[in-house]
Amino acid sequence: MTEVPRSRPGRNPAARRPGARPRQAEVAKAAGVSQATVSLVLGGKERGATISDETRSRVLDVARELGYAHDPAARRLAAARNNLLGVFSFTATFPTDVQHSYYPFLVGVEQEAAARGYDLVLFTGSSSGGAGAGVPDALSRVRLADGCLFLGRHAPTAELRRLVDDGFPVVHLGRRQEPEGLAWVGADYVSASREVVARLAAQGHRRIVLVREDDEAPASTDRERGILEGLVAAGLEAGAWTVFRTAAPARSLTAARLRAWREDGVTAVVAEETDTGDAWRALLGAVRAAGWTCPDDISLALLGDPPADLAGEPTPTGFDIPRSRLGGAAVRRLTALVAGETTDEPLVVCPHRPGTTSGPPR
């Protein structure tokens, strides 16, 4: 695959961190190319032959200007591949229960890794302050593997940036905007959420509220974007009341709030799936507290899969997240990075789930 140069900003070697050794990420930014291209050119790998002579010369020129020098220890480690892929989860404990929402991810990861001849190393963060990995160099031990796959809604950006800047192969399972240069694979939550709105609108719903966590996780913003796009496409109003953000669903999603929404004409409430499932639990509890039944009194939809412990509840309208396929896609991208190749994985489609929690508004 031929490298397409990015827009090339003006170079300013003096802008580097004082006294710091230049990193490949800085060379890539100054040359206007990807870090993978810099790694291929400076590493002298055969796969770099697909890179144009012009791009190769530009990278080498910038490297000389910045005073870049290879880290001999890093090169020895890179050459001593051991066919191990790391998997690091940022949940409180590593998910091994088959009912845990992350378990299907791991099934896909294991199957794809085995098919490609890799073994897996599971990291829990127990030696660095827990899975939250909040201490400096908390992720340094993942370098024991050839590359590492990270799972979790709230991963430490600074620690991931250090790995990316050092050229260590990293893939995050789920879309991330930071750090720059981090490879990721994700699900198409925008299209799936948009379809949920289309189905509700076809049933006759005209005022729909989205309930989401009060943070800026990309998975949440993608779902919100899909809901808003779906409302516009259906010709429905998308006012300030459309999105309800809450940090404590159990306290804020009450029977009184549901009644107030219905008095304002809201006939359907949509919740995002999170690691805890708190929004969906709170909605179900509020419906019961109001003495209502679903979908007779109000329709509900869930953007994702319900918590495993709620398997006995009615199947929610919404979409399924193909976790096993996402795990396999993440491994394919990670092994390509380990091999020094540039690659991408398309967003994975989330199939619609009709469910039984929505129907025509009364």
Protein backbone atom coordinates (compact mmCIF):
# COMPACT_ATOMS: atom_id res chain seq x y z
CA MET A 1 0.00 0.00 0.00
CA THR A 2 1.50 3.32 -1.08
CA GLU A 3 1.71 5.94 1.62
CA VAL A 4 -0.33 9.06 0.87
CA PRO A 5 1.49 12.04 2.44
CA ARG A 6 -0.50 14.15 4.86
CA SER A 7 -0.50 17.92 4.73
CA ARG A 8 2.99 18.91 5.76
CA PRO A 9 3.26 21.55 8.47
CA GLY A 10 6.33 23.75 8.76
CA ARG A 11 9.17 22.08 10.58
CA ASN A 12 10.55 23.61 13.71
CA PRO A 13 13.10 21.37 15.44
CA ALA A 14 13.42 23.89 18.26
CA ALA A 15 9.79 23.24 19.19
CA ARG A 16 10.69 19.84 20.62
CA ARG A 17 10.72 19.18 24.32
CA PRO A 18 13.99 20.69 25.68
CA GLY A 19 16.66 18.04 26.17
CA ALA A 20 14.39 15.23 24.99
CA ARG A 21 15.43 12.67 22.40
CA PRO A 22 13.30 13.04 19.24
CA ARG A 23 10.64 10.37 18.87
CA GLN A 24 9.24 8.76 15.76
CA ALA A 25 5.92 10.51 16.38
CA GLU A 26 7.69 13.89 16.09
CA VAL A 27 9.44 12.85 12.89
CA ALA A 28 6.09 11.70 11.46
CA LYS A 29 4.36 14.97 12.34
CA ALA A 30 7.13 17.11 10.87
CA ALA A 31 7.30 15.02 7.69
CA GLY A 32 3.54 14.92 7.26
CA VAL A 33 3.30 11.12 7.18
CA SER A 34 2.07 8.37 9.49
CA GLN A 35 4.21 7.00 12.30
CA ALA A 36 4.03 3.56 10.66
CA THR A 37 5.72 5.02 7.56
CA VAL A 38 8.48 6.54 9.70
CA SER A 39 9.00 3.18 11.40
CA LEU A 40 9.33 1.41 8.05
CA VAL A 41 11.74 3.97 6.59
CA LEU A 42 13.97 4.35 9.64
CA GLY A 43 13.88 0.63 10.41
CA GLY A 44 15.07 -0.29 6.93
CA LYS A 45 12.43 -3.00 6.60
CA GLU A 46 11.73 -4.66 3.26
CA ARG A 47 8.07 -3.73 3.47
CA GLY A 48 9.19 -0.13 3.23
CA ALA A 49 9.76 -0.72 -0.50
CA THR A 50 6.10 0.19 -1.10
CA ILE A 51 6.87 3.73 0.08
CA SER A 52 7.74 6.23 -2.64
CA ASP A 53 11.30 7.52 -2.96
CA GLU A 54 10.03 11.06 -2.37
CA THR A 55 8.37 10.11 0.92
CA ARG A 56 11.40 8.09 2.02
CA SER A 57 13.74 11.01 1.33
CA ARG A 58 11.51 13.45 3.18
CA VAL A 59 11.39 11.22 6.25
CA LEU A 60 15.16 10.78 6.28
CA ASP A 61 15.71 14.54 5.86
CA VAL A 62 13.42 15.36 8.76
CA ALA A 63 15.02 12.67 10.94
CA ARG A 64 18.45 14.22 10.33
CA GLU A 65 17.15 17.72 11.05
CA LEU A 66 15.64 16.64 14.35
CA GLY A 67 18.67 14.58 15.32
CA TYR A 68 16.71 11.35 15.53
CA ALA A 69 18.69 8.28 16.55
CA HIS A 70 17.48 4.71 16.88
CA ASP A 71 17.10 3.28 20.35
CA PRO A 72 19.32 0.15 20.13
CA ALA A 73 17.44 -1.58 22.95
CA ALA A 74 14.12 -0.93 21.23
CA ARG A 75 15.46 -2.29 17.95
CA ARG A 76 16.68 -5.46 19.64
CA LEU A 77 13.29 -5.94 21.24
CA ALA A 78 11.53 -5.33 17.92
CA ALA A 79 13.70 -7.92 16.22
CA ALA A 80 13.11 -10.48 18.97
CA ARG A 81 9.44 -11.11 18.27
CA ASN A 82 7.95 -13.88 20.37
CA ASN A 83 4.46 -14.20 18.79
CA LEU A 84 2.73 -12.88 21.92
CA LEU A 85 -0.14 -10.39 21.88
CA GLY A 86 -1.14 -8.58 25.04
CA VAL A 87 -4.74 -7.90 26.10
CA PHE A 88 -5.35 -5.24 28.75
CA SER A 89 -8.77 -4.47 30.20
CA PHE A 90 -9.61 -1.27 32.08
CA THR A 91 -12.56 -2.79 33.90
CA ALA A 92 -12.28 -3.25 37.68
CA THR A 93 -11.42 -6.93 37.26
CA PHE A 94 -10.49 -8.80 34.14
CA PRO A 95 -13.69 -10.25 32.60
CA THR A 96 -13.63 -14.03 32.74
CA ASP A 97 -17.34 -14.64 33.44
CA VAL A 98 -19.08 -15.82 30.26
CA GLN A 99 -21.93 -13.45 31.11
CA HIS A 100 -19.64 -10.42 31.25
CA SER A 101 -20.18 -8.04 28.33
CA TYR A 102 -16.45 -8.18 27.48
CA TYR A 103 -16.31 -11.97 27.28
CA PRO A 104 -17.43 -12.18 23.60
CA PHE A 105 -14.67 -9.69 22.73
CA LEU A 106 -12.14 -12.08 24.21
CA VAL A 107 -13.60 -15.04 22.31
CA GLY A 108 -13.09 -13.19 19.03
CA VAL A 109 -9.60 -12.11 20.10
CA GLU A 110 -8.56 -15.66 21.00
CA GLN A 111 -9.93 -17.22 17.81
CA GLU A 112 -8.27 -14.70 15.50
CA ALA A 113 -4.97 -14.78 17.41
CA ALA A 114 -4.87 -18.58 17.21
CA ALA A 115 -5.63 -18.47 13.48
CA ARG A 116 -2.64 -16.15 13.01
CA GLY A 117 -0.24 -18.16 15.17
CA TYR A 118 -0.14 -15.87 18.20
CA ASP A 119 -0.50 -16.65 21.89
CA LEU A 120 -2.15 -14.20 24.29
CA VAL A 121 -0.90 -12.56 27.47
CA LEU A 122 -3.63 -11.12 29.72
CA PHE A 123 -2.77 -8.01 31.74
CA THR A 124 -4.97 -6.92 34.65
CA GLY A 125 -3.04 -3.93 36.00
CA SER A 126 -2.97 -5.50 39.46
CA SER A 127 0.71 -4.64 39.85
CA SER A 128 0.22 -0.97 38.94
CA GLY A 129 -2.64 0.23 41.07
CA GLY A 130 -5.48 -1.76 39.56
CA ALA A 131 -7.08 -1.87 36.16
CA GLY A 132 -7.51 1.89 36.24
CA ALA A 133 -3.80 2.17 35.49
CA GLY A 134 -3.56 5.62 37.01
CA VAL A 135 0.09 5.57 38.08
CA PRO A 136 3.03 6.56 35.83
CA ASP A 137 4.31 3.75 33.58
CA ALA A 138 1.33 1.63 34.61
CA LEU A 139 1.21 0.08 31.16
CA SER A 140 4.94 -0.53 30.73
CA ARG A 141 4.65 -4.26 31.36
CA VAL A 142 2.60 -4.77 28.20
CA ARG A 143 5.90 -4.36 26.31
CA LEU A 144 6.58 -7.98 27.20
CA ALA A 145 4.31 -8.78 24.24
CA ASP A 146 4.85 -7.86 20.58
CA GLY A 147 1.84 -5.52 20.75
CA CYS A 148 -1.19 -4.96 22.93
CA LEU A 149 -4.95 -4.68 22.55
CA PHE A 150 -6.77 -2.43 25.04
CA LEU A 151 -10.40 -2.71 26.10
CA GLY A 152 -12.29 -0.21 28.21
CA ARG A 153 -14.47 2.87 28.13
CA HIS A 154 -12.09 5.06 30.14
CA ALA A 155 -8.45 4.29 29.31
CA PRO A 156 -5.61 6.59 30.50
CA THR A 157 -4.71 8.81 27.55
CA ALA A 158 -1.27 9.78 28.84
CA GLU A 159 -0.16 6.17 29.24
CA LEU A 160 -1.46 5.20 25.81
CA ARG A 161 0.26 8.23 24.28
CA ARG A 162 3.60 7.08 25.71
CA LEU A 163 3.23 3.69 24.03
CA VAL A 164 2.17 5.21 20.71
CA ASP A 165 4.99 7.76 20.73
CA ASP A 166 7.50 5.00 21.37
CA GLY A 167 6.25 3.11 18.31
CA PHE A 168 4.88 0.18 20.33
CA PRO A 169 2.03 -1.54 18.41
CA VAL A 170 -1.23 -0.63 20.15
CA VAL A 171 -4.88 -1.06 19.15
CA HIS A 172 -7.84 0.16 21.19
CA LEU A 173 -11.10 -1.77 20.92
CA GLY A 174 -13.57 1.06 20.44
CA ARG A 175 -13.25 4.43 18.74
CA ARG A 176 -10.94 6.91 20.45
CA GLN A 177 -10.04 10.47 19.50
CA GLU A 178 -6.91 10.60 21.69
CA PRO A 179 -4.05 10.12 21.70
CA GLU A 180 -3.24 11.12 18.15
CA GLY A 181 -1.95 8.19 16.13
CA LEU A 182 -3.66 5.50 18.22
CA ALA A 183 -5.07 2.71 16.06
CA TRP A 184 -8.57 1.49 16.92
CA VAL A 185 -11.43 -0.65 15.69
CA GLY A 186 -15.06 0.08 16.43
CA ALA A 187 -18.73 -0.55 15.80
CA ASP A 188 -20.94 1.66 13.64
CA TYR A 189 -23.03 3.05 16.50
CA VAL A 190 -24.11 6.06 14.45
CA SER A 191 -25.94 4.07 11.76
CA ALA A 192 -27.38 1.60 14.27
CA SER A 193 -28.75 4.37 16.52
CA ARG A 194 -30.16 6.18 13.51
CA GLU A 195 -32.06 3.03 12.53
CA VAL A 196 -33.54 2.71 16.03
CA VAL A 197 -35.06 6.18 15.65
CA ALA A 198 -36.36 5.31 12.18
CA ARG A 199 -38.13 2.23 13.58
CA LEU A 200 -39.66 4.19 16.46
CA ALA A 201 -40.80 6.94 14.09
CA ALA A 202 -42.40 4.31 11.84
CA GLN A 203 -44.39 3.12 14.86
CA GLY A 204 -45.76 6.62 15.30
CA HIS A 205 -43.48 8.15 17.95
CA ARG A 206 -42.92 11.88 17.54
CA ARG A 207 -41.03 12.86 20.69
CA ILE A 208 -38.10 10.67 21.72
CA VAL A 209 -35.60 11.22 24.55
CA LEU A 210 -32.08 9.78 24.70
CA VAL A 211 -30.57 8.97 28.11
CA ARG A 212 -26.76 8.86 28.18
CA GLU A 213 -23.90 9.07 30.68
CA ASP A 214 -22.48 12.48 31.49
CA ASP A 215 -19.08 12.06 29.86
CA GLU A 216 -17.44 12.42 26.46
CA ALA A 217 -16.73 8.78 25.68
CA PRO A 218 -16.70 8.35 21.87
CA ALA A 219 -19.17 5.45 22.11
CA SER A 220 -21.65 7.79 23.80
CA THR A 221 -21.15 10.67 21.38
CA ASP A 222 -21.53 8.31 18.40
CA ARG A 223 -24.85 7.05 19.72
CA GLU A 224 -26.06 10.59 20.38
CA ARG A 225 -25.07 11.64 16.89
CA GLY A 226 -27.05 8.73 15.42
CA ILE A 227 -30.13 9.61 17.45
CA LEU A 228 -30.04 13.25 16.40
CA GLU A 229 -29.45 12.37 12.75
CA GLY A 230 -32.34 9.91 12.92
CA LEU A 231 -34.69 12.54 14.33
CA VAL A 232 -33.76 15.00 11.57
CA ALA A 233 -34.17 12.33 8.87
CA ALA A 234 -37.64 11.46 10.23
CA GLY A 235 -38.64 15.11 10.31
CA LEU A 236 -38.94 15.11 14.10
CA GLU A 237 -37.93 17.81 16.56
CA ALA A 238 -34.52 17.55 18.19
CA GLY A 239 -34.57 20.20 20.91
CA ALA A 240 -32.47 20.71 24.04
CA TRP A 241 -34.72 18.25 25.86
CA THR A 242 -33.88 15.44 23.41
CA VAL A 243 -30.67 14.35 25.18
CA PHE A 244 -30.75 13.73 28.94
CA ARG A 245 -27.24 13.43 30.41
CA THR A 246 -26.87 11.97 33.86
CA ALA A 247 -24.02 10.85 36.11
CA ALA A 248 -26.41 9.03 38.46
CA PRO A 249 -29.23 7.30 36.54
CA ALA A 250 -30.62 5.59 39.66
CA ARG A 251 -31.30 8.98 41.28
CA SER A 252 -32.31 11.03 38.26
CA LEU A 253 -34.42 8.56 36.26
CA THR A 254 -37.52 8.43 38.44
CA ALA A 255 -41.21 7.80 37.97
CA ALA A 256 -41.81 11.54 38.38
CA ARG A 257 -39.43 12.32 35.52
CA LEU A 258 -41.11 9.79 33.25
CA ARG A 259 -44.51 11.30 34.01
CA ALA A 260 -43.19 14.79 33.28
CA TRP A 261 -41.75 13.62 29.96
CA ARG A 262 -45.02 12.00 28.97
CA GLU A 263 -46.94 15.16 29.85
CA ASP A 264 -44.63 16.94 27.38
CA GLY A 265 -45.54 14.43 24.69
CA VAL A 266 -42.59 12.03 25.01
CA THR A 267 -43.70 8.50 24.12
CA ALA A 268 -40.33 6.72 23.76
CA VAL A 269 -37.12 6.78 25.82
CA VAL A 270 -33.83 5.39 24.46
CA ALA A 271 -30.87 4.48 26.71
CA GLU A 272 -27.25 3.85 25.81
CA GLU A 273 -25.51 0.68 26.88
CA THR A 274 -22.54 1.12 29.22
CA ASP A 275 -20.33 -1.25 31.21
CA THR A 276 -22.69 -1.02 34.19
CA GLY A 277 -26.05 -0.92 32.38
CA ASP A 278 -27.19 1.64 34.97
CA ALA A 279 -29.34 3.72 32.60
CA TRP A 280 -31.33 0.72 31.41
CA ARG A 281 -31.80 -0.59 34.94
CA ALA A 282 -32.98 2.82 36.10
CA LEU A 283 -35.47 3.12 33.24
CA LEU A 284 -36.97 -0.28 33.97
CA GLY A 285 -37.23 0.62 37.67
CA ALA A 286 -38.87 3.97 36.91
CA VAL A 287 -41.48 2.31 34.69
CA ARG A 288 -42.37 -0.09 37.48
CA ALA A 289 -42.44 2.70 40.09
CA ALA A 290 -44.86 4.65 37.89
CA GLY A 291 -47.13 1.63 37.75
CA TRP A 292 -46.75 1.44 33.97
CA THR A 293 -46.20 -1.41 31.57
CA CYS A 294 -43.95 -1.36 28.53
CA PRO A 295 -44.76 -0.71 25.73
CA ASP A 296 -48.40 -0.01 26.63
CA ASP A 297 -47.65 3.17 28.59
CA ILE A 298 -44.23 4.05 27.20
CA SER A 299 -41.81 2.56 24.69
CA LEU A 300 -38.19 1.88 25.57
CA ALA A 301 -35.14 1.09 23.44
CA LEU A 302 -31.55 0.16 24.31
CA LEU A 303 -28.56 1.11 22.15
CA GLY A 304 -26.64 -2.10 22.73
CA ASP A 305 -27.10 -5.30 24.67
CA PRO A 306 -28.87 -5.60 28.05
CA PRO A 307 -26.89 -6.64 31.15
CA ALA A 308 -26.62 -10.41 31.47
CA ASP A 309 -28.39 -10.41 34.86
CA LEU A 310 -31.48 -8.91 33.20
CA ALA A 311 -31.87 -11.81 30.78
CA GLY A 312 -35.27 -12.56 32.28
CA GLU A 313 -36.64 -9.14 31.32
CA PRO A 314 -38.41 -8.51 27.99
CA THR A 315 -35.99 -8.27 25.07
CA PRO A 316 -35.33 -4.57 24.48
CA THR A 317 -35.76 -2.95 21.10
CA GLY A 318 -32.37 -1.71 19.89
CA PHE A 319 -29.31 -3.26 18.29
CA ASP A 320 -26.79 -6.00 19.01
CA ILE A 321 -23.06 -5.31 19.30
CA PRO A 322 -21.06 -7.99 17.39
CA ARG A 323 -18.39 -8.22 20.05
CA SER A 324 -16.71 -11.36 18.75
CA ARG A 325 -16.30 -9.82 15.29
CA LEU A 326 -14.86 -6.67 16.85
CA GLY A 327 -12.33 -8.75 18.78
CA GLY A 328 -11.22 -10.47 15.58
CA ALA A 329 -10.93 -7.16 13.73
CA ALA A 330 -8.79 -5.74 16.54
CA VAL A 331 -6.37 -8.67 16.32
CA ARG A 332 -6.08 -8.33 12.55
CA ARG A 333 -5.16 -4.68 12.88
CA LEU A 334 -2.74 -5.32 15.75
CA THR A 335 -0.88 -8.10 13.95
CA ALA A 336 -0.53 -5.84 10.91
CA LEU A 337 1.06 -3.15 13.09
CA VAL A 338 3.39 -5.72 14.64
CA ALA A 339 4.47 -6.68 11.13
CA GLY A 340 5.15 -3.03 10.30
CA GLU A 341 2.23 -2.75 7.89
CA THR A 342 -0.33 0.03 7.58
CA THR A 343 -3.91 -1.23 7.55
CA ASP A 344 -7.41 -0.30 8.55
CA GLU A 345 -10.58 -2.11 9.56
CA PRO A 346 -14.04 -0.88 8.54
CA LEU A 347 -16.59 -0.10 11.21
CA VAL A 348 -18.48 -3.26 12.19
CA VAL A 349 -22.23 -3.17 11.49
CA CYS A 350 -24.57 -3.58 14.49
CA PRO A 351 -27.71 -5.51 13.44
CA HIS A 352 -31.09 -4.14 14.53
CA ARG A 353 -32.95 -6.04 17.29
CA PRO A 354 -36.77 -5.64 17.06
CA GLY A 355 -37.37 -6.57 20.71
CA THR A 356 -40.66 -6.27 22.58
CA THR A 357 -40.24 -3.01 24.52
CA SER A 358 -41.54 -0.67 21.84
CA GLY A 359 -44.82 -0.31 20.02
CA PRO A 360 -47.21 2.31 18.69
CA PRO A 361 -47.85 5.10 21.23
CA ARG A 362 -51.26 4.95 22.78
